[in-house]
Every structure is written in C-alpha cells, then in structure tokens.
Amino acid sequence: MPDVERYLQVFESLRQRKRWDTDVGVLRFAALTLAATDVVDPGREVEQAAGVLRELARWSSPLRSSLRFVIAAMIVRRGLDPKAVHRSIEGVREEFRRRRMRRGGTHELLAALMLVLHAEGRRPETRSIGRVKENLARWKKDHRFLTGSDDYPLAALHATRELSVEELGIRVERIYQQLRKARYSRGNQLQLASHLLAIGERSAAGCAQRFDSIARALGERKVRPTTSRYDEIAILSLTALGPAAVARAVVSLRDRLRAAKPRPSSSLAFSLAAGLFLAEDARRSEGLGHTRDLAAVRSAQAVIEAQQAAMIAAMSAATVAASAASS
C-alpha cells in the first residue's frame, strides 16, 4: 500500500507556504509528484523553483499561474535546474513555431515539458520535436474533430518512443475501436484512454479487456466508470495486480485521502489515489527488475501528472490573467 502519510506530509509542507492565489488542488498534485521522494523540505524547494519559473515567464505564460508549482515539483523530483529547464522549454516552443504548429497554450507548454524532462532537462532531439507534429497529424486522420491542442502532451510522450508514427497511429486506433466495441463512450476522454493504453505492451484487444476488467472491478465498489474517469482507469490498467486487488487498493486510498483535512472532493481524491497507486506499482516493478513495465508506468505517471495539473489549473480562480494582475 502506498505511503499516504508521506503524501499528506508533503502536501502540508506545500500548503503551509501557499499564496492567497494558489489553487490548493494544484498543490495536491504537486505533492503527488514528490510523495515518493526523500526531499526534506519540499515546500521550500518547490517554492524556490516555482519562483524561478514565474520570474522567467512572460506575463501571458501559463507558468505565471498555479500550474508552475506542479512543474516545479517535477523539476525538484528530478534534481534539475529550473532555469535550464525553462530555457529548454522555450527552445522547444520556438521549434514548434518554426514547424508552424498550432498554438496550444498550457497543453503546448506541457508537451515541451514532456520532451525536456525526457531529455533530463536538456534540449531534446530535433527528431522528437518533429514527431510531436507527425503524431498529431496521424491521429487527426482517424479523429479529425477529436484531435486538438489537448493531445499535445500525449503526442510528445509518444514522440520519445521507438515505435514509428504509422505503427503508433494504427495501434492507438485499434485500441480505441476495441474500447468502443466494449461499449465505452466515444469522445475526447476515450481517445485519451487509448493514447495512454498504447504505452503498454498488451495487444489492442488485451488493452481493452484489461480496461474493462478494471472498470468493472471499480463498479463493484460503487465507483462508476464515467467518461471523466477514463484516464485514471487507463493508467490503472497499466499496473500489474489483478483487477479486484487494484480496485480494492484504490478505493481504500481514496477513502483515506477523504478522511484528511482539508477534504478533497471524491473525484479529486480518486485521481490522487490512482496516482499514488501507480507510483507504488512503479516502485514494485523497479524492485522486481521489470524495467520495461517500469518505463511504461513512469511515462504514464508523468503525462497524467501534467494533464491533471493542467485540468486543475484551468479550473482555478487563479488564472494566468489574475496571477499577472496580482504581481
């Protein structure tokens, strides 16, 4: 079972340094990023890194919103220099412009972040940057009206893999259609789930079967597999335990998180619980030497952290404009 007490300790360290305009939900995901580390004073380190990001960001940048705290947590977790990371991110975004890629706001920034983190803070390979655009173009062939800027982070995640753009496109679409065959609702969330499931090693049918088994196990514990939960179900599908064990553990984690104050909503607690369970599964795989599974789980964890942070930041009252006005 993941160490919930460590997570709550990190969250409290971050919350104690909270600014009036910082969204508490964002700090919850920043704590999720650092819960598995041995950082002694996460609040101080995240605050310092976030301060650097804010100072370097343009007035209209998403890095002037609460989102910077989650990005700062990712930087701290990897022991990277925030100035170097910011410089590399801006370099990637300039390359996006040269390639005439559609501006994507927060999601574009997160895509650049995915590439930079994969390159350990340095400027990523030109090939990987180009494959972001190629992945998006390939996905758009199958889902013209679903594929948009919100797919940038997943396109970046897959851009660092060895699978060819065409092979990936075929795999993603087969998974999507298998999920539809299992009667899951079409749309952006199902596309997100298919992108995440494509990270794993199972066949398309195997991915859908695993997804359905996890969803049914959660349903037996009164967690309805609504479309808003497709991404969490997908990342839980990348773990190794049986569906019943996964559902039991995640629901237990959710309830423990809900018992702590300030109390998160049930949906937010479920997202956090899924993230905590995924991190524990990664540690378990590492201990057993399952390097291929570990790489898949860590990749999924990174992009889910980023996308959930973007979601919370978008819902926050502390928007980029409001943050800029308060500076």
C-alpha atoms as a PDB file:
ATOM      1  CA  MET A   1       0.000   0.000   0.000  1.00  0.00           C
ATOM      2  CA  PRO A   2       1.381   3.454  -0.897  1.00  0.00           C
ATOM      3  CA  ASP A   3       2.534   5.687   1.961  1.00  0.00           C
ATOM      4  CA  VAL A   4      -0.412   8.050   2.336  1.00  0.00           C
ATOM      5  CA  GLU A   5       1.130   9.657   5.413  1.00  0.00           C
ATOM      6  CA  ARG A   6       4.183  10.725   3.406  1.00  0.00           C
ATOM      7  CA  TYR A   7       1.911  12.189   0.732  1.00  0.00           C
ATOM      8  CA  LEU A   8      -0.063  14.149   3.336  1.00  0.00           C
ATOM      9  CA  GLN A   9       3.179  15.353   4.923  1.00  0.00           C
ATOM     10  CA  VAL A  10       4.418  16.696   1.595  1.00  0.00           C
ATOM     11  CA  PHE A  11       1.043  18.288   0.857  1.00  0.00           C
ATOM     12  CA  GLU A  12       1.033  20.059   4.227  1.00  0.00           C
ATOM     13  CA  SER A  13       4.579  21.312   3.616  1.00  0.00           C
ATOM     14  CA  LEU A  14       3.402  22.844   0.352  1.00  0.00           C
ATOM     15  CA  ARG A  15       0.156  24.191   1.805  1.00  0.00           C
ATOM     16  CA  GLN A  16       1.933  25.995   4.637  1.00  0.00           C
ATOM     17  CA  ARG A  17       3.679  28.177   2.049  1.00  0.00           C
ATOM     18  CA  LYS A  18       0.556  28.711  -0.047  1.00  0.00           C
ATOM     19  CA  ARG A  19      -0.051  32.133  -1.571  1.00  0.00           C
ATOM     20  CA  TRP A  20      -3.576  33.503  -1.449  1.00  0.00           C
ATOM     21  CA  ASP A  21      -3.964  32.996  -5.210  1.00  0.00           C
ATOM     22  CA  THR A  22      -2.560  29.450  -5.361  1.00  0.00           C
ATOM     23  CA  ASP A  23      -5.065  26.690  -6.051  1.00  0.00           C
ATOM     24  CA  VAL A  24      -4.990  24.010  -3.337  1.00  0.00           C
ATOM     25  CA  GLY A  25      -5.883  21.368  -5.918  1.00  0.00           C
ATOM     26  CA  VAL A  26      -2.687  22.115  -7.819  1.00  0.00           C
ATOM     27  CA  LEU A  27      -0.676  21.674  -4.619  1.00  0.00           C
ATOM     28  CA  ARG A  28      -2.287  18.265  -4.153  1.00  0.00           C
ATOM     29  CA  PHE A  29      -0.851  17.124  -7.474  1.00  0.00           C
ATOM     30  CA  ALA A  30       2.499  18.723  -6.722  1.00  0.00           C
ATOM     31  CA  ALA A  31       2.537  16.659  -3.515  1.00  0.00           C
ATOM     32  CA  LEU A  32       1.692  13.549  -5.544  1.00  0.00           C
ATOM     33  CA  THR A  33       4.762  14.194  -7.681  1.00  0.00           C
ATOM     34  CA  LEU A  34       7.054  14.387  -4.643  1.00  0.00           C
ATOM     35  CA  ALA A  35       5.463  11.819  -2.327  1.00  0.00           C
ATOM     36  CA  ALA A  36       7.862   9.049  -3.359  1.00  0.00           C
ATOM     37  CA  THR A  37      10.987  11.193  -2.858  1.00  0.00           C
ATOM     38  CA  ASP A  38      13.092  11.866   0.231  1.00  0.00           C
ATOM     39  CA  VAL A  39      13.129  15.656  -0.198  1.00  0.00           C
ATOM     40  CA  VAL A  40      13.446  17.027   3.344  1.00  0.00           C
ATOM     41  CA  ASP A  41      11.675  20.375   2.859  1.00  0.00           C
ATOM     42  CA  PRO A  42       9.509  20.021  -0.274  1.00  0.00           C
ATOM     43  CA  GLY A  43       7.618  23.238   0.446  1.00  0.00           C
ATOM     44  CA  ARG A  44      10.769  25.350   0.365  1.00  0.00           C
ATOM     45  CA  GLU A  45      12.295  23.642  -2.675  1.00  0.00           C
ATOM     46  CA  VAL A  46       9.101  23.806  -4.729  1.00  0.00           C
ATOM     47  CA  GLU A  47       8.539  27.433  -3.756  1.00  0.00           C
ATOM     48  CA  GLN A  48      12.058  28.349  -4.858  1.00  0.00           C
ATOM     49  CA  ALA A  49      11.786  26.514  -8.187  1.00  0.00           C
ATOM     50  CA  ALA A  50       8.307  27.927  -8.832  1.00  0.00           C
ATOM     51  CA  GLY A  51       9.628  31.406  -8.088  1.00  0.00           C
ATOM     52  CA  VAL A  52      12.332  30.996 -10.723  1.00  0.00           C
ATOM     53  CA  LEU A  53       9.774  29.821 -13.286  1.00  0.00           C
ATOM     54  CA  ARG A  54       7.500  32.777 -12.539  1.00  0.00           C
ATOM     55  CA  GLU A  55      10.352  35.238 -12.782  1.00  0.00           C
ATOM     56  CA  LEU A  56      11.457  33.907 -16.175  1.00  0.00           C
ATOM     57  CA  ALA A  57       7.945  33.563 -17.646  1.00  0.00           C
ATOM     58  CA  ARG A  58       6.305  36.113 -19.907  1.00  0.00           C
ATOM     59  CA  TRP A  59       3.274  37.851 -18.426  1.00  0.00           C
ATOM     60  CA  SER A  60       0.897  35.690 -20.517  1.00  0.00           C
ATOM     61  CA  SER A  61       2.646  32.378 -19.810  1.00  0.00           C
ATOM     62  CA  PRO A  62       0.844  29.515 -18.018  1.00  0.00           C
ATOM     63  CA  LEU A  63       3.911  29.472 -15.760  1.00  0.00           C
ATOM     64  CA  ARG A  64       2.511  32.561 -14.052  1.00  0.00           C
ATOM     65  CA  SER A  65      -0.487  30.505 -12.934  1.00  0.00           C
ATOM     66  CA  SER A  66      -0.665  27.890 -10.175  1.00  0.00           C
ATOM     67  CA  LEU A  67       0.450  25.297 -12.711  1.00  0.00           C
ATOM     68  CA  ARG A  68       4.057  26.331 -12.092  1.00  0.00           C
ATOM     69  CA  PHE A  69       4.004  24.585  -8.700  1.00  0.00           C
ATOM     70  CA  VAL A  70       3.396  21.177 -10.263  1.00  0.00           C
ATOM     71  CA  ILE A  71       6.055  21.803 -12.910  1.00  0.00           C
ATOM     72  CA  ALA A  72       8.387  22.956 -10.122  1.00  0.00           C
ATOM     73  CA  ALA A  73       7.667  19.698  -8.260  1.00  0.00           C
ATOM     74  CA  MET A  74       8.592  17.681 -11.361  1.00  0.00           C
ATOM     75  CA  ILE A  75      11.850  19.628 -11.613  1.00  0.00           C
ATOM     76  CA  VAL A  76      12.639  19.134  -7.924  1.00  0.00           C
ATOM     77  CA  ARG A  77      11.850  15.417  -8.119  1.00  0.00           C
ATOM     78  CA  ARG A  78      14.449  15.010 -10.861  1.00  0.00           C
ATOM     79  CA  GLY A  79      17.025  17.312  -9.274  1.00  0.00           C
ATOM     80  CA  LEU A  80      17.127  19.618 -12.311  1.00  0.00           C
ATOM     81  CA  ASP A  81      17.948  23.318 -12.636  1.00  0.00           C
ATOM     82  CA  PRO A  82      14.692  25.290 -13.191  1.00  0.00           C
ATOM     83  CA  LYS A  83      16.488  27.929 -15.283  1.00  0.00           C
ATOM     84  CA  ALA A  84      17.914  25.275 -17.596  1.00  0.00           C
ATOM     85  CA  VAL A  85      14.532  23.537 -17.864  1.00  0.00           C
ATOM     86  CA  HIS A  86      12.773  26.811 -18.696  1.00  0.00           C
ATOM     87  CA  ARG A  87      15.403  27.646 -21.330  1.00  0.00           C
ATOM     88  CA  SER A  88      14.959  24.227 -22.923  1.00  0.00           C
ATOM     89  CA  ILE A  89      11.157  24.510 -22.864  1.00  0.00           C
ATOM     90  CA  GLU A  90      11.302  27.869 -24.632  1.00  0.00           C
ATOM     91  CA  GLY A  91      13.676  26.404 -27.210  1.00  0.00           C
ATOM     92  CA  VAL A  92      11.208  23.588 -27.945  1.00  0.00           C
ATOM     93  CA  ARG A  93       8.319  26.043 -28.265  1.00  0.00           C
ATOM     94  CA  GLU A  94      10.353  28.133 -30.714  1.00  0.00           C
ATOM     95  CA  GLU A  95      10.896  24.959 -32.725  1.00  0.00           C
ATOM     96  CA  PHE A  96       7.135  24.332 -32.650  1.00  0.00           C
ATOM     97  CA  ARG A  97       6.680  27.814 -34.175  1.00  0.00           C
ATOM     98  CA  ARG A  98       9.232  27.116 -36.902  1.00  0.00           C
ATOM     99  CA  ARG A  99       7.305  23.990 -37.781  1.00  0.00           C
ATOM    100  CA  ARG A 100       4.075  26.019 -37.976  1.00  0.00           C
ATOM    101  CA  MET A 101       2.374  24.009 -35.273  1.00  0.00           C
ATOM    102  CA  ARG A 102      -0.898  25.337 -33.926  1.00  0.00           C
ATOM    103  CA  ARG A 103      -0.510  27.248 -30.676  1.00  0.00           C
ATOM    104  CA  GLY A 104      -1.744  25.156 -27.770  1.00  0.00           C
ATOM    105  CA  GLY A 105      -1.370  27.313 -24.655  1.00  0.00           C
ATOM    106  CA  THR A 106      -0.965  25.247 -21.493  1.00  0.00           C
ATOM    107  CA  HIS A 107      -1.024  21.930 -23.362  1.00  0.00           C
ATOM    108  CA  GLU A 108       1.706  23.112 -25.721  1.00  0.00           C
ATOM    109  CA  LEU A 109       3.862  24.084 -22.751  1.00  0.00           C
ATOM    110  CA  LEU A 110       3.249  20.700 -21.149  1.00  0.00           C
ATOM    111  CA  ALA A 111       4.217  18.949 -24.386  1.00  0.00           C
ATOM    112  CA  ALA A 112       7.507  20.861 -24.410  1.00  0.00           C
ATOM    113  CA  LEU A 113       7.957  19.935 -20.753  1.00  0.00           C
ATOM    114  CA  MET A 114       7.458  16.233 -21.503  1.00  0.00           C
ATOM    115  CA  LEU A 115      10.203  16.353 -24.123  1.00  0.00           C
ATOM    116  CA  VAL A 116      12.583  18.313 -21.894  1.00  0.00           C
ATOM    117  CA  LEU A 117      12.079  16.058 -18.882  1.00  0.00           C
ATOM    118  CA  HIS A 118      12.712  13.013 -21.042  1.00  0.00           C
ATOM    119  CA  ALA A 119      15.971  14.675 -22.094  1.00  0.00           C
ATOM    120  CA  GLU A 120      16.833  15.226 -18.402  1.00  0.00           C
ATOM    121  CA  GLY A 121      16.416  18.985 -18.637  1.00  0.00           C
ATOM    122  CA  ARG A 122      18.354  19.483 -21.849  1.00  0.00           C
ATOM    123  CA  ARG A 123      17.154  20.435 -25.324  1.00  0.00           C
ATOM    124  CA  PRO A 124      15.525  17.305 -26.800  1.00  0.00           C
ATOM    125  CA  GLU A 125      16.489  15.771 -30.113  1.00  0.00           C
ATOM    126  CA  THR A 126      15.124  17.529 -33.195  1.00  0.00           C
ATOM    127  CA  ARG A 127      13.643  14.192 -34.272  1.00  0.00           C
ATOM    128  CA  SER A 128      11.478  14.012 -31.150  1.00  0.00           C
ATOM    129  CA  ILE A 129      10.220  17.569 -31.609  1.00  0.00           C
ATOM    130  CA  GLY A 130       9.242  16.832 -35.191  1.00  0.00           C
ATOM    131  CA  ARG A 131       7.438  13.654 -34.212  1.00  0.00           C
ATOM    132  CA  VAL A 132       5.046  15.617 -31.996  1.00  0.00           C
ATOM    133  CA  LYS A 133       3.583  17.251 -35.097  1.00  0.00           C
ATOM    134  CA  GLU A 134       3.671  13.975 -37.027  1.00  0.00           C
ATOM    135  CA  ASN A 135       1.797  12.124 -34.273  1.00  0.00           C
ATOM    136  CA  LEU A 136      -0.901  14.790 -34.142  1.00  0.00           C
ATOM    137  CA  ALA A 137      -1.298  14.722 -37.924  1.00  0.00           C
ATOM    138  CA  ARG A 138      -1.577  10.919 -37.911  1.00  0.00           C
ATOM    139  CA  TRP A 139      -4.157  10.913 -35.110  1.00  0.00           C
ATOM    140  CA  LYS A 140      -6.154  13.575 -36.927  1.00  0.00           C
ATOM    141  CA  LYS A 141      -6.591  11.207 -39.873  1.00  0.00           C
ATOM    142  CA  ASP A 142      -8.660   8.899 -37.675  1.00  0.00           C
ATOM    143  CA  HIS A 143     -10.338  11.518 -35.481  1.00  0.00           C
ATOM    144  CA  ARG A 144     -10.378  14.858 -37.206  1.00  0.00           C
ATOM    145  CA  PHE A 145     -12.721  16.553 -34.759  1.00  0.00           C
ATOM    146  CA  LEU A 146     -11.368  14.948 -31.583  1.00  0.00           C
ATOM    147  CA  THR A 147      -7.667  15.638 -32.069  1.00  0.00           C
ATOM    148  CA  GLY A 148      -6.628  19.087 -30.887  1.00  0.00           C
ATOM    149  CA  SER A 149      -4.263  21.017 -28.645  1.00  0.00           C
ATOM    150  CA  ASP A 150      -5.263  18.922 -25.622  1.00  0.00           C
ATOM    151  CA  ASP A 151      -3.494  15.980 -27.308  1.00  0.00           C
ATOM    152  CA  TYR A 152      -0.121  17.783 -27.345  1.00  0.00           C
ATOM    153  CA  PRO A 153       1.259  16.165 -24.127  1.00  0.00           C
ATOM    154  CA  LEU A 154       0.449  12.623 -25.280  1.00  0.00           C
ATOM    155  CA  ALA A 155       1.876  13.331 -28.723  1.00  0.00           C
ATOM    156  CA  ALA A 156       5.078  14.492 -27.003  1.00  0.00           C
ATOM    157  CA  LEU A 157       5.183  11.467 -24.737  1.00  0.00           C
ATOM    158  CA  HIS A 158       4.881   9.089 -27.682  1.00  0.00           C
ATOM    159  CA  ALA A 159       7.370  11.158 -29.712  1.00  0.00           C
ATOM    160  CA  THR A 160      10.189   9.877 -27.485  1.00  0.00           C
ATOM    161  CA  ARG A 161       9.396   6.221 -28.189  1.00  0.00           C
ATOM    162  CA  GLU A 162      10.895   3.973 -30.856  1.00  0.00           C
ATOM    163  CA  LEU A 163       7.556   2.957 -32.395  1.00  0.00           C
ATOM    164  CA  SER A 164       7.049   4.596 -35.794  1.00  0.00           C
ATOM    165  CA  VAL A 165       4.378   7.253 -36.228  1.00  0.00           C
ATOM    166  CA  GLU A 166       2.348   4.984 -38.504  1.00  0.00           C
ATOM    167  CA  GLU A 167       2.636   1.951 -36.223  1.00  0.00           C
ATOM    168  CA  LEU A 168       1.600   4.074 -33.241  1.00  0.00           C
ATOM    169  CA  GLY A 169      -1.352   5.531 -35.132  1.00  0.00           C
ATOM    170  CA  ILE A 170      -2.600   2.065 -36.067  1.00  0.00           C
ATOM    171  CA  ARG A 171      -2.149   0.800 -32.501  1.00  0.00           C
ATOM    172  CA  VAL A 172      -3.976   3.760 -30.932  1.00  0.00           C
ATOM    173  CA  GLU A 173      -6.897   3.445 -33.337  1.00  0.00           C
ATOM    174  CA  ARG A 174      -7.225  -0.303 -32.779  1.00  0.00           C
ATOM    175  CA  ILE A 175      -7.347   0.251 -29.022  1.00  0.00           C
ATOM    176  CA  TYR A 176      -9.950   2.993 -29.463  1.00  0.00           C
ATOM    177  CA  GLN A 177     -12.153   0.727 -31.583  1.00  0.00           C
ATOM    178  CA  GLN A 178     -11.780  -2.181 -29.150  1.00  0.00           C
ATOM    179  CA  LEU A 179     -12.943   0.117 -26.340  1.00  0.00           C
ATOM    180  CA  ARG A 180     -15.905   1.215 -28.469  1.00  0.00           C
ATOM    181  CA  LYS A 181     -16.684  -2.458 -29.086  1.00  0.00           C
ATOM    182  CA  ALA A 182     -16.795  -2.857 -25.304  1.00  0.00           C
ATOM    183  CA  ARG A 183     -19.436  -0.070 -25.304  1.00  0.00           C
ATOM    184  CA  TYR A 184     -17.364   2.761 -23.839  1.00  0.00           C
ATOM    185  CA  SER A 185     -18.462   6.229 -24.946  1.00  0.00           C
ATOM    186  CA  ARG A 186     -16.664   7.773 -27.896  1.00  0.00           C
ATOM    187  CA  GLY A 187     -15.057  11.188 -27.490  1.00  0.00           C
ATOM    188  CA  ASN A 188     -12.002  13.018 -26.198  1.00  0.00           C
ATOM    189  CA  GLN A 189     -11.742  11.013 -22.979  1.00  0.00           C
ATOM    190  CA  LEU A 190     -11.822   7.689 -24.830  1.00  0.00           C
ATOM    191  CA  GLN A 191      -9.137   8.969 -27.190  1.00  0.00           C
ATOM    192  CA  LEU A 192      -7.035   9.973 -24.158  1.00  0.00           C
ATOM    193  CA  ALA A 193      -7.504   6.488 -22.720  1.00  0.00           C
ATOM    194  CA  SER A 194      -6.412   4.859 -25.986  1.00  0.00           C
ATOM    195  CA  HIS A 195      -3.297   7.051 -26.091  1.00  0.00           C
ATOM    196  CA  LEU A 196      -2.391   6.026 -22.554  1.00  0.00           C
ATOM    197  CA  LEU A 197      -3.109   2.340 -23.060  1.00  0.00           C
ATOM    198  CA  ALA A 198      -0.888   2.387 -26.164  1.00  0.00           C
ATOM    199  CA  ILE A 199       2.093   2.936 -23.850  1.00  0.00           C
ATOM    200  CA  GLY A 200       1.779  -0.617 -22.541  1.00  0.00           C
ATOM    201  CA  GLU A 201       2.746  -3.907 -24.172  1.00  0.00           C
ATOM    202  CA  ARG A 202      -0.640  -5.633 -24.436  1.00  0.00           C
ATOM    203  CA  SER A 203      -2.397  -6.164 -27.743  1.00  0.00           C
ATOM    204  CA  ALA A 204      -5.238  -3.821 -28.632  1.00  0.00           C
ATOM    205  CA  ALA A 205      -7.783  -6.439 -27.547  1.00  0.00           C
ATOM    206  CA  GLY A 206      -5.774  -7.100 -24.393  1.00  0.00           C
ATOM    207  CA  CYS A 207      -5.703  -3.387 -23.545  1.00  0.00           C
ATOM    208  CA  ALA A 208      -9.467  -3.107 -23.890  1.00  0.00           C
ATOM    209  CA  GLN A 209     -10.031  -6.286 -21.884  1.00  0.00           C
ATOM    210  CA  ARG A 210      -7.795  -5.038 -19.059  1.00  0.00           C
ATOM    211  CA  PHE A 211      -9.511  -1.607 -19.110  1.00  0.00           C
ATOM    212  CA  ASP A 212     -12.940  -3.246 -18.952  1.00  0.00           C
ATOM    213  CA  SER A 213     -11.891  -5.564 -16.118  1.00  0.00           C
ATOM    214  CA  ILE A 214     -10.582  -2.638 -14.034  1.00  0.00           C
ATOM    215  CA  ALA A 215     -13.716  -0.605 -14.773  1.00  0.00           C
ATOM    216  CA  ARG A 216     -15.996  -3.468 -13.733  1.00  0.00           C
ATOM    217  CA  ALA A 217     -13.997  -4.102 -10.556  1.00  0.00           C
ATOM    218  CA  LEU A 218     -14.310  -0.428  -9.633  1.00  0.00           C
ATOM    219  CA  GLY A 219     -18.022  -0.539 -10.436  1.00  0.00           C
ATOM    220  CA  GLU A 220     -18.456  -3.390  -7.950  1.00  0.00           C
ATOM    221  CA  ARG A 221     -17.081  -0.979  -5.336  1.00  0.00           C
ATOM    222  CA  LYS A 222     -19.555   1.724  -6.368  1.00  0.00           C
ATOM    223  CA  VAL A 223     -17.077   3.750  -8.440  1.00  0.00           C
ATOM    224  CA  ARG A 224     -18.899   4.330 -11.704  1.00  0.00           C
ATOM    225  CA  PRO A 225     -16.670   4.212 -14.817  1.00  0.00           C
ATOM    226  CA  THR A 226     -17.854   7.614 -16.105  1.00  0.00           C
ATOM    227  CA  THR A 227     -16.064   9.262 -19.016  1.00  0.00           C
ATOM    228  CA  SER A 228     -14.280  11.652 -16.643  1.00  0.00           C
ATOM    229  CA  ARG A 229     -12.573   8.616 -15.076  1.00  0.00           C
ATOM    230  CA  TYR A 230     -11.373   7.000 -18.306  1.00  0.00           C
ATOM    231  CA  ASP A 231      -7.839   8.391 -17.893  1.00  0.00           C
ATOM    232  CA  GLU A 232      -7.487   7.042 -14.343  1.00  0.00           C
ATOM    233  CA  ILE A 233      -8.859   3.656 -15.412  1.00  0.00           C
ATOM    234  CA  ALA A 234      -6.357   3.625 -18.283  1.00  0.00           C
ATOM    235  CA  ILE A 235      -3.335   4.254 -16.077  1.00  0.00           C
ATOM    236  CA  LEU A 236      -4.574   1.692 -13.563  1.00  0.00           C
ATOM    237  CA  SER A 237      -4.795  -0.720 -16.486  1.00  0.00           C
ATOM    238  CA  LEU A 238      -1.031  -0.365 -16.946  1.00  0.00           C
ATOM    239  CA  THR A 239      -0.368  -1.787 -13.484  1.00  0.00           C
ATOM    240  CA  ALA A 240       0.375  -5.417 -12.692  1.00  0.00           C
ATOM    241  CA  LEU A 241      -2.089  -6.533  -9.981  1.00  0.00           C
ATOM    242  CA  GLY A 242      -5.408  -8.244 -10.617  1.00  0.00           C
ATOM    243  CA  PRO A 243      -8.464  -6.026 -11.217  1.00  0.00           C
ATOM    244  CA  ALA A 244     -10.093  -6.797  -7.865  1.00  0.00           C
ATOM    245  CA  ALA A 245      -6.885  -6.020  -5.967  1.00  0.00           C
ATOM    246  CA  VAL A 246      -6.412  -2.774  -7.900  1.00  0.00           C
ATOM    247  CA  ALA A 247      -9.976  -1.629  -7.213  1.00  0.00           C
ATOM    248  CA  ARG A 248      -9.772  -2.540  -3.550  1.00  0.00           C
ATOM    249  CA  ALA A 249      -6.492  -0.671  -3.060  1.00  0.00           C
ATOM    250  CA  VAL A 250      -7.521   2.465  -4.966  1.00  0.00           C
ATOM    251  CA  VAL A 251     -10.873   2.793  -3.195  1.00  0.00           C
ATOM    252  CA  SER A 252      -9.133   2.339   0.160  1.00  0.00           C
ATOM    253  CA  LEU A 253      -6.641   5.066  -0.759  1.00  0.00           C
ATOM    254  CA  ARG A 254      -9.433   7.368  -1.890  1.00  0.00           C
ATOM    255  CA  ASP A 255     -11.241   6.950   1.431  1.00  0.00           C
ATOM    256  CA  ARG A 256      -8.067   7.605   3.429  1.00  0.00           C
ATOM    257  CA  LEU A 257      -7.423  10.790   1.476  1.00  0.00           C
ATOM    258  CA  ARG A 258     -11.029  11.888   2.004  1.00  0.00           C
ATOM    259  CA  ALA A 259     -10.615  11.448   5.750  1.00  0.00           C
ATOM    260  CA  ALA A 260      -7.810  14.042   5.901  1.00  0.00           C
ATOM    261  CA  LYS A 261      -8.417  17.791   6.107  1.00  0.00           C
ATOM    262  CA  PRO A 262      -8.759  19.864   4.041  1.00  0.00           C
ATOM    263  CA  ARG A 263     -11.005  17.282   2.484  1.00  0.00           C
ATOM    264  CA  PRO A 264     -10.726  16.817  -1.310  1.00  0.00           C
ATOM    265  CA  SER A 265     -13.770  16.068  -3.449  1.00  0.00           C
ATOM    266  CA  SER A 266     -14.493  12.421  -4.156  1.00  0.00           C
ATOM    267  CA  SER A 267     -13.423  12.750  -7.816  1.00  0.00           C
ATOM    268  CA  LEU A 268     -10.194  14.550  -6.932  1.00  0.00           C
ATOM    269  CA  ALA A 269      -9.436  12.010  -4.209  1.00  0.00           C
ATOM    270  CA  PHE A 270      -9.935   9.209  -6.755  1.00  0.00           C
ATOM    271  CA  SER A 271      -7.472  10.853  -9.170  1.00  0.00           C
ATOM    272  CA  LEU A 272      -4.921  11.239  -6.377  1.00  0.00           C
ATOM    273  CA  ALA A 273      -5.458   7.654  -5.245  1.00  0.00           C
ATOM    274  CA  ALA A 274      -4.878   6.383  -8.774  1.00  0.00           C
ATOM    275  CA  GLY A 275      -1.657   8.400  -8.945  1.00  0.00           C
ATOM    276  CA  LEU A 276      -0.443   7.086  -5.589  1.00  0.00           C
ATOM    277  CA  PHE A 277      -1.205   3.515  -6.598  1.00  0.00           C
ATOM    278  CA  LEU A 278       0.577   3.976  -9.923  1.00  0.00           C
ATOM    279  CA  ALA A 279       3.670   5.311  -8.151  1.00  0.00           C
ATOM    280  CA  GLU A 280       3.668   2.331  -5.803  1.00  0.00           C
ATOM    281  CA  ASP A 281       3.310  -0.053  -8.736  1.00  0.00           C
ATOM    282  CA  ALA A 282       6.325   1.621 -10.359  1.00  0.00           C
ATOM    283  CA  ARG A 283       8.378   1.077  -7.198  1.00  0.00           C
ATOM    284  CA  ARG A 284       7.222  -2.530  -7.047  1.00  0.00           C
ATOM    285  CA  SER A 285       8.215  -3.107 -10.681  1.00  0.00           C
ATOM    286  CA  GLU A 286      11.577  -1.499 -10.026  1.00  0.00           C
ATOM    287  CA  GLY A 287      12.171  -3.782  -7.066  1.00  0.00           C
ATOM    288  CA  LEU A 288      11.354  -6.825  -9.193  1.00  0.00           C
ATOM    289  CA  GLY A 289      13.549  -5.634 -12.053  1.00  0.00           C
ATOM    290  CA  HIS A 290      10.713  -5.263 -14.572  1.00  0.00           C
ATOM    291  CA  THR A 291      12.425  -2.474 -16.491  1.00  0.00           C
ATOM    292  CA  ARG A 292      10.056  -2.471 -19.468  1.00  0.00           C
ATOM    293  CA  ASP A 293       6.952  -2.267 -17.257  1.00  0.00           C
ATOM    294  CA  LEU A 294       8.622   0.379 -15.115  1.00  0.00           C
ATOM    295  CA  ALA A 295       9.331   2.581 -18.135  1.00  0.00           C
ATOM    296  CA  ALA A 296       5.701   2.342 -19.243  1.00  0.00           C
ATOM    297  CA  VAL A 297       4.332   3.140 -15.795  1.00  0.00           C
ATOM    298  CA  ARG A 298       6.670   6.079 -15.285  1.00  0.00           C
ATOM    299  CA  SER A 299       5.776   7.506 -18.691  1.00  0.00           C
ATOM    300  CA  ALA A 300       2.076   7.256 -17.920  1.00  0.00           C
ATOM    301  CA  GLN A 301       2.620   8.786 -14.498  1.00  0.00           C
ATOM    302  CA  ALA A 302       4.473  11.771 -15.963  1.00  0.00           C
ATOM    303  CA  VAL A 303       1.822  12.652 -18.504  1.00  0.00           C
ATOM    304  CA  ILE A 304      -1.073  12.121 -16.106  1.00  0.00           C
ATOM    305  CA  GLU A 305       0.614  14.425 -13.591  1.00  0.00           C
ATOM    306  CA  ALA A 306       0.913  17.065 -16.290  1.00  0.00           C
ATOM    307  CA  GLN A 307      -2.611  16.697 -17.674  1.00  0.00           C
ATOM    308  CA  GLN A 308      -4.244  16.632 -14.254  1.00  0.00           C
ATOM    309  CA  ALA A 309      -2.276  19.711 -13.255  1.00  0.00           C
ATOM    310  CA  ALA A 310      -3.459  21.464 -16.408  1.00  0.00           C
ATOM    311  CA  MET A 311      -7.047  20.499 -15.653  1.00  0.00           C
ATOM    312  CA  ILE A 312      -6.882  21.810 -12.100  1.00  0.00           C
ATOM    313  CA  ALA A 313      -5.077  24.972 -13.193  1.00  0.00           C
ATOM    314  CA  ALA A 314      -7.747  25.652 -15.814  1.00  0.00           C
ATOM    315  CA  MET A 315     -10.474  25.332 -13.173  1.00  0.00           C
ATOM    316  CA  SER A 316      -8.621  27.525 -10.705  1.00  0.00           C
ATOM    317  CA  ALA A 317      -9.768  31.033  -9.950  1.00  0.00           C
ATOM    318  CA  ALA A 318      -6.093  31.999 -10.156  1.00  0.00           C
ATOM    319  CA  THR A 319      -5.938  32.176 -13.937  1.00  0.00           C
ATOM    320  CA  VAL A 320      -2.934  33.446 -15.800  1.00  0.00           C
ATOM    321  CA  ALA A 321      -4.516  36.874 -16.145  1.00  0.00           C
ATOM    322  CA  ALA A 322      -5.426  37.093 -12.485  1.00  0.00           C
ATOM    323  CA  SER A 323      -1.960  35.965 -11.457  1.00  0.00           C
ATOM    324  CA  ALA A 324      -0.351  38.529 -13.713  1.00  0.00           C
ATOM    325  CA  ALA A 325      -2.565  41.268 -12.348  1.00  0.00           C
ATOM    326  CA  SER A 326      -1.589  40.426  -8.770  1.00  0.00           C
ATOM    327  CA  SER A 327       2.142  40.579  -9.459  1.00  0.00           C
END
